Every structure is written in C-alpha cells, then in structure tokens.
C-alpha cells in the first residue's frame, strides 16, 4: 500500500498540470490568465479538483501513519511553550531587577557628578579668594612699609619685587574685580617711589 501511495504522490508531483505550482515564483494571476487564454478552464478545474482530492488523501494517510510522532511533537511544542513562558517571566523579573539596580546606581552617580562639578567650582572660587587675600595682604603691608619712611624702604622694595614675580603678576590680572582694582593702581603708583631690581 505504501508503494502505491508513493507512486500516486510521484505521479502528482511529476504531472505537468501541477508543475507550475511547485515553482518558487508561482503567480496566481499569470496561471489564471494562461488558463483563460488557452480556453481549457473546465479541464484545468477538473484536473485541479482531482489533485486536491489526491493531496487530501495523501495528507490524511500521512497523519494516520505518523499519528504518534505528531502527538509527541505537539506535546513537545506545548512543553517548549511552557519553558518559553517561564523564561519570559524570568527575563521580565531580571529586567525589573536591572531597572531597580540602575535606579540605585544612576541616582547616586548623578549626585556625585553634580557634587564633583560643585567642588570644582568651589576650588576655583577658593583659589580666586586666596589670590585676592594675598593681594590685599601685600597692599596693607606695603602701605605700612611706605609709611615707615626710609627705614622701611628696603622692605617696601622687597614687597614690590614680590609683586613683580610671575605668580603675583598672574594674581594682579584680577584687577578687573572692583575690590582688587584700587590695590593694583596703588601698586603701580608705588613702583616709581621705591627702587626695585627687575629681572
């Protein structure tokens, strides 16, 4: 019986009437247009009905012959669906855990970034304040030395020399600041009064 079934299947596959259906680029519109053009519609329909009937029989016999195997595969698919569902649940739980961890990490990280930027600004501000305090200190010291007359002239020269060095010149660049401007004007006015050795 298997031999006759296989022979009928082969005859179906080798029949020219069904050859068009087996090609990968089969087009329904083209096939219909050709059938209408050749005016063999009734014959084609009868042949197709016979082929469909034969395919139904073959499909039925395949299902009957492989009944146990198909049931096993269906059971396997159900168990795979169960595993897939379980995996999706676990993935969702893992994603939730990752989101919670991200929240616990991202918020502190953002705070650290903000505090680091704030600290950098504070360091710049502290550096500016230190430089301004140094200028104010030197200004006060120089005023006292100039008021001391000729006895303090050497110390005044040292103070002006200190103002002329690289770091203090950089500090004097803060003369745009209102509180520092009057002191830098004072320093510049002192240079002609006190003999200073300039390198």
C-alpha atoms as a PDB file:
ATOM      1  CA  UNK A   1       0.000   0.000   0.000  1.00  0.00           C
ATOM      2  CA  UNK A   2       2.881   2.341   0.802  1.00  0.00           C
ATOM      3  CA  UNK A   3       4.302   1.683  -2.657  1.00  0.00           C
ATOM      4  CA  UNK A   4       1.046   2.616  -4.403  1.00  0.00           C
ATOM      5  CA  UNK A   5       0.713   5.753  -2.239  1.00  0.00           C
ATOM      6  CA  UNK A   6       4.259   6.794  -3.058  1.00  0.00           C
ATOM      7  CA  UNK A   7       3.625   6.134  -6.765  1.00  0.00           C
ATOM      8  CA  UNK A   8       0.495   8.313  -6.738  1.00  0.00           C
ATOM      9  CA  UNK A   9       2.394  11.091  -4.957  1.00  0.00           C
ATOM     10  CA  UNK A  10       5.213  10.897  -7.510  1.00  0.00           C
ATOM     11  CA  UNK A  11       2.731  10.947 -10.380  1.00  0.00           C
ATOM     12  CA  UNK A  12       1.128  14.039  -8.836  1.00  0.00           C
ATOM     13  CA  UNK A  13       4.495  15.778  -8.469  1.00  0.00           C
ATOM     14  CA  UNK A  14       5.608  14.832 -11.998  1.00  0.00           C
ATOM     15  CA  UNK A  15       2.344  15.829 -13.696  1.00  0.00           C
ATOM     16  CA  UNK A  16       2.846  18.879 -15.946  1.00  0.00           C
ATOM     17  CA  UNK A  17      -0.506  20.239 -14.841  1.00  0.00           C
ATOM     18  CA  UNK A  18       0.846  20.729 -11.309  1.00  0.00           C
ATOM     19  CA  UNK A  19       4.424  21.657 -12.238  1.00  0.00           C
ATOM     20  CA  UNK A  20       3.605  25.391 -12.194  1.00  0.00           C
ATOM     21  CA  UNK A  21       2.520  25.151  -8.540  1.00  0.00           C
ATOM     22  CA  UNK A  22       5.884  23.723  -7.478  1.00  0.00           C
ATOM     23  CA  UNK A  23       7.986  26.624  -8.793  1.00  0.00           C
ATOM     24  CA  UNK A  24       9.136  29.242  -6.289  1.00  0.00           C
ATOM     25  CA  UNK A  25       7.983  32.138  -8.479  1.00  0.00           C
ATOM     26  CA  UNK A  26       4.416  30.790  -8.951  1.00  0.00           C
ATOM     27  CA  UNK A  27       1.972  33.626  -9.702  1.00  0.00           C
ATOM     28  CA  UNK A  28      -1.799  33.047  -9.458  1.00  0.00           C
ATOM     29  CA  UNK A  29      -2.666  35.854 -11.879  1.00  0.00           C
ATOM     30  CA  UNK A  30      -0.317  34.571 -14.583  1.00  0.00           C
ATOM     31  CA  UNK A  31      -1.582  30.988 -14.192  1.00  0.00           C
ATOM     32  CA  UNK A  32      -5.244  32.121 -14.399  1.00  0.00           C
ATOM     33  CA  UNK A  33      -4.564  34.311 -17.434  1.00  0.00           C
ATOM     34  CA  UNK A  34      -2.906  31.393 -19.271  1.00  0.00           C
ATOM     35  CA  UNK A  35      -5.814  29.033 -18.443  1.00  0.00           C
ATOM     36  CA  UNK A  36      -8.337  31.562 -19.773  1.00  0.00           C
ATOM     37  CA  UNK A  37      -6.198  32.241 -22.853  1.00  0.00           C
ATOM     38  CA  UNK A  38      -5.959  28.545 -23.775  1.00  0.00           C
ATOM     39  CA  UNK A  39      -9.728  28.106 -23.117  1.00  0.00           C
ATOM     40  CA  UNK A  40      -9.247  24.887 -21.143  1.00  0.00           C
ATOM     41  CA  UNK A  41     -10.814  26.123 -17.923  1.00  0.00           C
ATOM     42  CA  UNK A  42     -13.183  23.172 -17.335  1.00  0.00           C
ATOM     43  CA  UNK A  43     -10.404  20.668 -17.972  1.00  0.00           C
ATOM     44  CA  UNK A  44      -7.999  22.577 -15.686  1.00  0.00           C
ATOM     45  CA  UNK A  45     -10.621  22.802 -12.897  1.00  0.00           C
ATOM     46  CA  UNK A  46     -11.319  19.075 -13.099  1.00  0.00           C
ATOM     47  CA  UNK A  47      -7.589  18.319 -13.004  1.00  0.00           C
ATOM     48  CA  UNK A  48      -7.100  20.681 -10.017  1.00  0.00           C
ATOM     49  CA  UNK A  49     -10.058  19.108  -8.153  1.00  0.00           C
ATOM     50  CA  UNK A  50      -8.548  15.664  -8.759  1.00  0.00           C
ATOM     51  CA  UNK A  51      -5.151  16.908  -7.484  1.00  0.00           C
ATOM     52  CA  UNK A  52      -6.720  18.463  -4.382  1.00  0.00           C
ATOM     53  CA  UNK A  53      -8.552  15.220  -3.640  1.00  0.00           C
ATOM     54  CA  UNK A  54      -5.334  13.256  -4.076  1.00  0.00           C
ATOM     55  CA  UNK A  55      -3.443  15.686  -1.786  1.00  0.00           C
ATOM     56  CA  UNK A  56      -6.178  15.398   0.862  1.00  0.00           C
ATOM     57  CA  UNK A  57      -5.902  11.603   0.773  1.00  0.00           C
ATOM     58  CA  UNK A  58      -2.104  11.795   0.983  1.00  0.00           C
ATOM     59  CA  UNK A  59      -2.278  14.245   3.879  1.00  0.00           C
ATOM     60  CA  UNK A  60      -4.777  12.019   5.706  1.00  0.00           C
ATOM     61  CA  UNK A  61      -2.649   8.929   5.184  1.00  0.00           C
ATOM     62  CA  UNK A  62       0.481  10.808   6.383  1.00  0.00           C
ATOM     63  CA  UNK A  63      -1.329  11.949   9.544  1.00  0.00           C
ATOM     64  CA  UNK A  64      -2.596   8.400  10.219  1.00  0.00           C
ATOM     65  CA  UNK A  65       0.837   6.866   9.564  1.00  0.00           C
ATOM     66  CA  UNK A  66       2.663   9.384  11.795  1.00  0.00           C
ATOM     67  CA  UNK A  67      -0.038   9.881  14.409  1.00  0.00           C
ATOM     68  CA  UNK A  68       2.187   9.044  17.425  1.00  0.00           C
ATOM     69  CA  UNK A  69       5.076  11.143  16.135  1.00  0.00           C
ATOM     70  CA  UNK A  70       2.789  14.150  15.516  1.00  0.00           C
ATOM     71  CA  UNK A  71       1.303  13.839  19.012  1.00  0.00           C
ATOM     72  CA  UNK A  72       4.792  13.670  20.511  1.00  0.00           C
ATOM     73  CA  UNK A  73       5.805  16.784  18.569  1.00  0.00           C
ATOM     74  CA  UNK A  74       2.627  18.594  19.663  1.00  0.00           C
ATOM     75  CA  UNK A  75       3.378  17.661  23.287  1.00  0.00           C
ATOM     76  CA  UNK A  76       6.964  18.810  22.794  1.00  0.00           C
ATOM     77  CA  UNK A  77       5.729  22.121  21.405  1.00  0.00           C
ATOM     78  CA  UNK A  78       3.437  22.582  24.417  1.00  0.00           C
ATOM     79  CA  UNK A  79       6.297  21.889  26.820  1.00  0.00           C
ATOM     80  CA  UNK A  80       8.514  24.281  24.841  1.00  0.00           C
ATOM     81  CA  UNK A  81       5.805  26.927  25.098  1.00  0.00           C
ATOM     82  CA  UNK A  82       5.744  26.349  28.868  1.00  0.00           C
ATOM     83  CA  UNK A  83       9.524  26.728  29.064  1.00  0.00           C
ATOM     84  CA  UNK A  84       9.346  29.830  26.865  1.00  0.00           C
ATOM     85  CA  UNK A  85       6.655  31.343  29.093  1.00  0.00           C
ATOM     86  CA  UNK A  86       8.757  30.599  32.184  1.00  0.00           C
ATOM     87  CA  UNK A  87      11.831  32.153  30.528  1.00  0.00           C
ATOM     88  CA  UNK A  88       9.842  35.265  29.587  1.00  0.00           C
ATOM     89  CA  UNK A  89       8.663  35.583  33.197  1.00  0.00           C
ATOM     90  CA  UNK A  90      12.232  35.233  34.466  1.00  0.00           C
ATOM     91  CA  UNK A  91      13.524  37.707  31.881  1.00  0.00           C
ATOM     92  CA  UNK A  92      10.846  40.209  32.969  1.00  0.00           C
ATOM     93  CA  UNK A  93      11.873  39.695  36.624  1.00  0.00           C
ATOM     94  CA  UNK A  94      15.539  40.120  35.692  1.00  0.00           C
ATOM     95  CA  UNK A  95      14.733  43.282  33.727  1.00  0.00           C
ATOM     96  CA  UNK A  96      12.871  44.621  36.765  1.00  0.00           C
ATOM     97  CA  UNK A  97      15.892  43.866  38.974  1.00  0.00           C
ATOM     98  CA  UNK A  98      18.217  45.570  36.483  1.00  0.00           C
ATOM     99  CA  UNK A  99      15.941  48.640  36.445  1.00  0.00           C
ATOM    100  CA  UNK A 100      15.957  48.775  40.256  1.00  0.00           C
ATOM    101  CA  UNK A 101      19.754  48.429  40.352  1.00  0.00           C
ATOM    102  CA  UNK A 102      20.077  51.085  37.663  1.00  0.00           C
ATOM    103  CA  UNK A 103      17.941  53.430  39.773  1.00  0.00           C
ATOM    104  CA  UNK A 104      20.110  52.698  42.810  1.00  0.00           C
ATOM    105  CA  UNK A 105      23.274  53.385  40.791  1.00  0.00           C
ATOM    106  CA  UNK A 106      22.201  56.194  38.457  1.00  0.00           C
ATOM    107  CA  UNK A 107      20.779  58.496  41.145  1.00  0.00           C
ATOM    108  CA  UNK A 108      23.921  58.397  43.330  1.00  0.00           C
ATOM    109  CA  UNK A 109      26.096  58.702  40.210  1.00  0.00           C
ATOM    110  CA  UNK A 110      24.210  61.828  39.109  1.00  0.00           C
ATOM    111  CA  UNK A 111      24.583  63.254  42.616  1.00  0.00           C
ATOM    112  CA  UNK A 112      28.329  62.512  42.563  1.00  0.00           C
ATOM    113  CA  UNK A 113      28.675  64.213  39.165  1.00  0.00           C
ATOM    114  CA  UNK A 114      26.779  67.274  40.441  1.00  0.00           C
ATOM    115  CA  UNK A 115      28.825  67.405  43.668  1.00  0.00           C
ATOM    116  CA  UNK A 116      32.084  66.989  41.728  1.00  0.00           C
ATOM    117  CA  UNK A 117      31.169  69.918  39.469  1.00  0.00           C
ATOM    118  CA  UNK A 118      30.205  71.930  42.551  1.00  0.00           C
ATOM    119  CA  UNK A 119      33.523  71.039  44.218  1.00  0.00           C
ATOM    120  CA  UNK A 120      35.450  72.101  41.099  1.00  0.00           C
ATOM    121  CA  UNK A 121      33.650  75.471  41.135  1.00  0.00           C
ATOM    122  CA  UNK A 122      34.357  75.840  44.865  1.00  0.00           C
ATOM    123  CA  UNK A 123      38.048  75.100  44.270  1.00  0.00           C
ATOM    124  CA  UNK A 124      38.179  77.797  41.578  1.00  0.00           C
ATOM    125  CA  UNK A 125      36.383  80.228  43.902  1.00  0.00           C
ATOM    126  CA  UNK A 126      38.748  79.358  46.802  1.00  0.00           C
ATOM    127  CA  UNK A 127      41.768  79.869  44.553  1.00  0.00           C
ATOM    128  CA  UNK A 128      40.452  83.284  43.485  1.00  0.00           C
ATOM    129  CA  UNK A 129      39.761  84.231  47.111  1.00  0.00           C
ATOM    130  CA  UNK A 130      43.258  83.115  48.161  1.00  0.00           C
ATOM    131  CA  UNK A 131      44.803  85.246  45.415  1.00  0.00           C
ATOM    132  CA  UNK A 132      42.635  88.255  46.338  1.00  0.00           C
ATOM    133  CA  UNK A 133      43.540  87.877  50.040  1.00  0.00           C
ATOM    134  CA  UNK A 134      47.239  87.750  49.074  1.00  0.00           C
ATOM    135  CA  UNK A 135      46.887  90.987  47.082  1.00  0.00           C
ATOM    136  CA  UNK A 136      45.049  92.677  49.975  1.00  0.00           C
ATOM    137  CA  UNK A 137      47.699  91.467  52.446  1.00  0.00           C
ATOM    138  CA  UNK A 138      50.569  92.761  50.281  1.00  0.00           C
ATOM    139  CA  UNK A 139      48.765  96.062  49.766  1.00  0.00           C
ATOM    140  CA  UNK A 140      48.295  96.550  53.508  1.00  0.00           C
ATOM    141  CA  UNK A 141      51.890  95.507  54.227  1.00  0.00           C
ATOM    142  CA  UNK A 142      53.250  97.840  51.526  1.00  0.00           C
ATOM    143  CA  UNK A 143      51.180 100.754  52.831  1.00  0.00           C
ATOM    144  CA  UNK A 144      52.643 100.206  56.306  1.00  0.00           C
ATOM    145  CA  UNK A 145      56.171  99.950  54.908  1.00  0.00           C
ATOM    146  CA  UNK A 146      55.802 103.158  52.871  1.00  0.00           C
ATOM    147  CA  UNK A 147      54.515 104.987  55.935  1.00  0.00           C
ATOM    148  CA  UNK A 148      57.622 103.801  57.815  1.00  0.00           C
ATOM    149  CA  UNK A 149      59.754 106.135  55.706  1.00  0.00           C
ATOM    150  CA  UNK A 150      63.347 105.419  54.713  1.00  0.00           C
ATOM    151  CA  UNK A 151      63.763 102.790  57.430  1.00  0.00           C
ATOM    152  CA  UNK A 152      61.222 100.532  55.725  1.00  0.00           C
ATOM    153  CA  UNK A 153      62.224 101.340  52.130  1.00  0.00           C
ATOM    154  CA  UNK A 154      64.187  98.071  51.782  1.00  0.00           C
ATOM    155  CA  UNK A 155      61.200  96.039  52.937  1.00  0.00           C
ATOM    156  CA  UNK A 156      58.941  98.012  50.590  1.00  0.00           C
ATOM    157  CA  UNK A 157      61.349  97.213  47.726  1.00  0.00           C
ATOM    158  CA  UNK A 158      61.152  93.512  48.630  1.00  0.00           C
ATOM    159  CA  UNK A 159      57.351  93.671  48.667  1.00  0.00           C
ATOM    160  CA  UNK A 160      57.287  95.361  45.243  1.00  0.00           C
ATOM    161  CA  UNK A 161      59.811  92.815  43.967  1.00  0.00           C
ATOM    162  CA  UNK A 162      57.472  90.064  45.207  1.00  0.00           C
ATOM    163  CA  UNK A 163      54.650  91.745  43.273  1.00  0.00           C
ATOM    164  CA  UNK A 164      56.783  91.655  40.143  1.00  0.00           C
ATOM    165  CA  UNK A 165      57.348  87.877  40.182  1.00  0.00           C
ATOM    166  CA  UNK A 166      55.367  85.566  37.859  1.00  0.00           C
ATOM    167  CA  UNK A 167      52.769  84.275  40.320  1.00  0.00           C
ATOM    168  CA  UNK A 168      51.868  87.721  41.626  1.00  0.00           C
ATOM    169  CA  UNK A 169      51.672  89.127  38.084  1.00  0.00           C
ATOM    170  CA  UNK A 170      49.086  86.418  37.452  1.00  0.00           C
ATOM    171  CA  UNK A 171      47.270  87.473  40.635  1.00  0.00           C
ATOM    172  CA  UNK A 172      47.333  91.096  39.533  1.00  0.00           C
ATOM    173  CA  UNK A 173      45.451  90.029  36.407  1.00  0.00           C
ATOM    174  CA  UNK A 174      42.427  90.018  38.718  1.00  0.00           C
ATOM    175  CA  UNK A 175      42.418  93.821  38.506  1.00  0.00           C
ATOM    176  CA  UNK A 176      39.072  93.667  36.661  1.00  0.00           C
ATOM    177  CA  UNK A 177      37.493  92.877  40.040  1.00  0.00           C
ATOM    178  CA  UNK A 178      36.260  96.010  41.756  1.00  0.00           C
ATOM    179  CA  UNK A 179      37.897  95.299  45.148  1.00  0.00           C
ATOM    180  CA  UNK A 180      41.274  94.457  43.569  1.00  0.00           C
ATOM    181  CA  UNK A 181      41.439  97.299  41.018  1.00  0.00           C
ATOM    182  CA  UNK A 182      42.248 100.060  43.535  1.00  0.00           C
ATOM    183  CA  UNK A 183      45.072  97.965  45.034  1.00  0.00           C
ATOM    184  CA  UNK A 184      46.678  97.263  41.643  1.00  0.00           C
ATOM    185  CA  UNK A 185      46.536 101.010  40.893  1.00  0.00           C
ATOM    186  CA  UNK A 186      48.226 101.596  44.264  1.00  0.00           C
ATOM    187  CA  UNK A 187      50.941  99.012  43.452  1.00  0.00           C
ATOM    188  CA  UNK A 188      51.655 100.615  40.084  1.00  0.00           C
ATOM    189  CA  UNK A 189      51.943 104.010  41.759  1.00  0.00           C
ATOM    190  CA  UNK A 190      54.491 102.602  44.242  1.00  0.00           C
ATOM    191  CA  UNK A 191      56.998 101.363  41.643  1.00  0.00           C
ATOM    192  CA  UNK A 192      58.386 104.854  40.840  1.00  0.00           C
ATOM    193  CA  UNK A 193      58.686 105.655  44.566  1.00  0.00           C
ATOM    194  CA  UNK A 194      60.761 102.628  45.551  1.00  0.00           C
ATOM    195  CA  UNK A 195      63.927 101.400  43.767  1.00  0.00           C
ATOM    196  CA  UNK A 196      63.229  97.789  42.697  1.00  0.00           C
ATOM    197  CA  UNK A 197      65.597  95.451  40.889  1.00  0.00           C
ATOM    198  CA  UNK A 198      63.602  93.932  37.967  1.00  0.00           C
ATOM    199  CA  UNK A 199      64.855  90.698  36.432  1.00  0.00           C
END
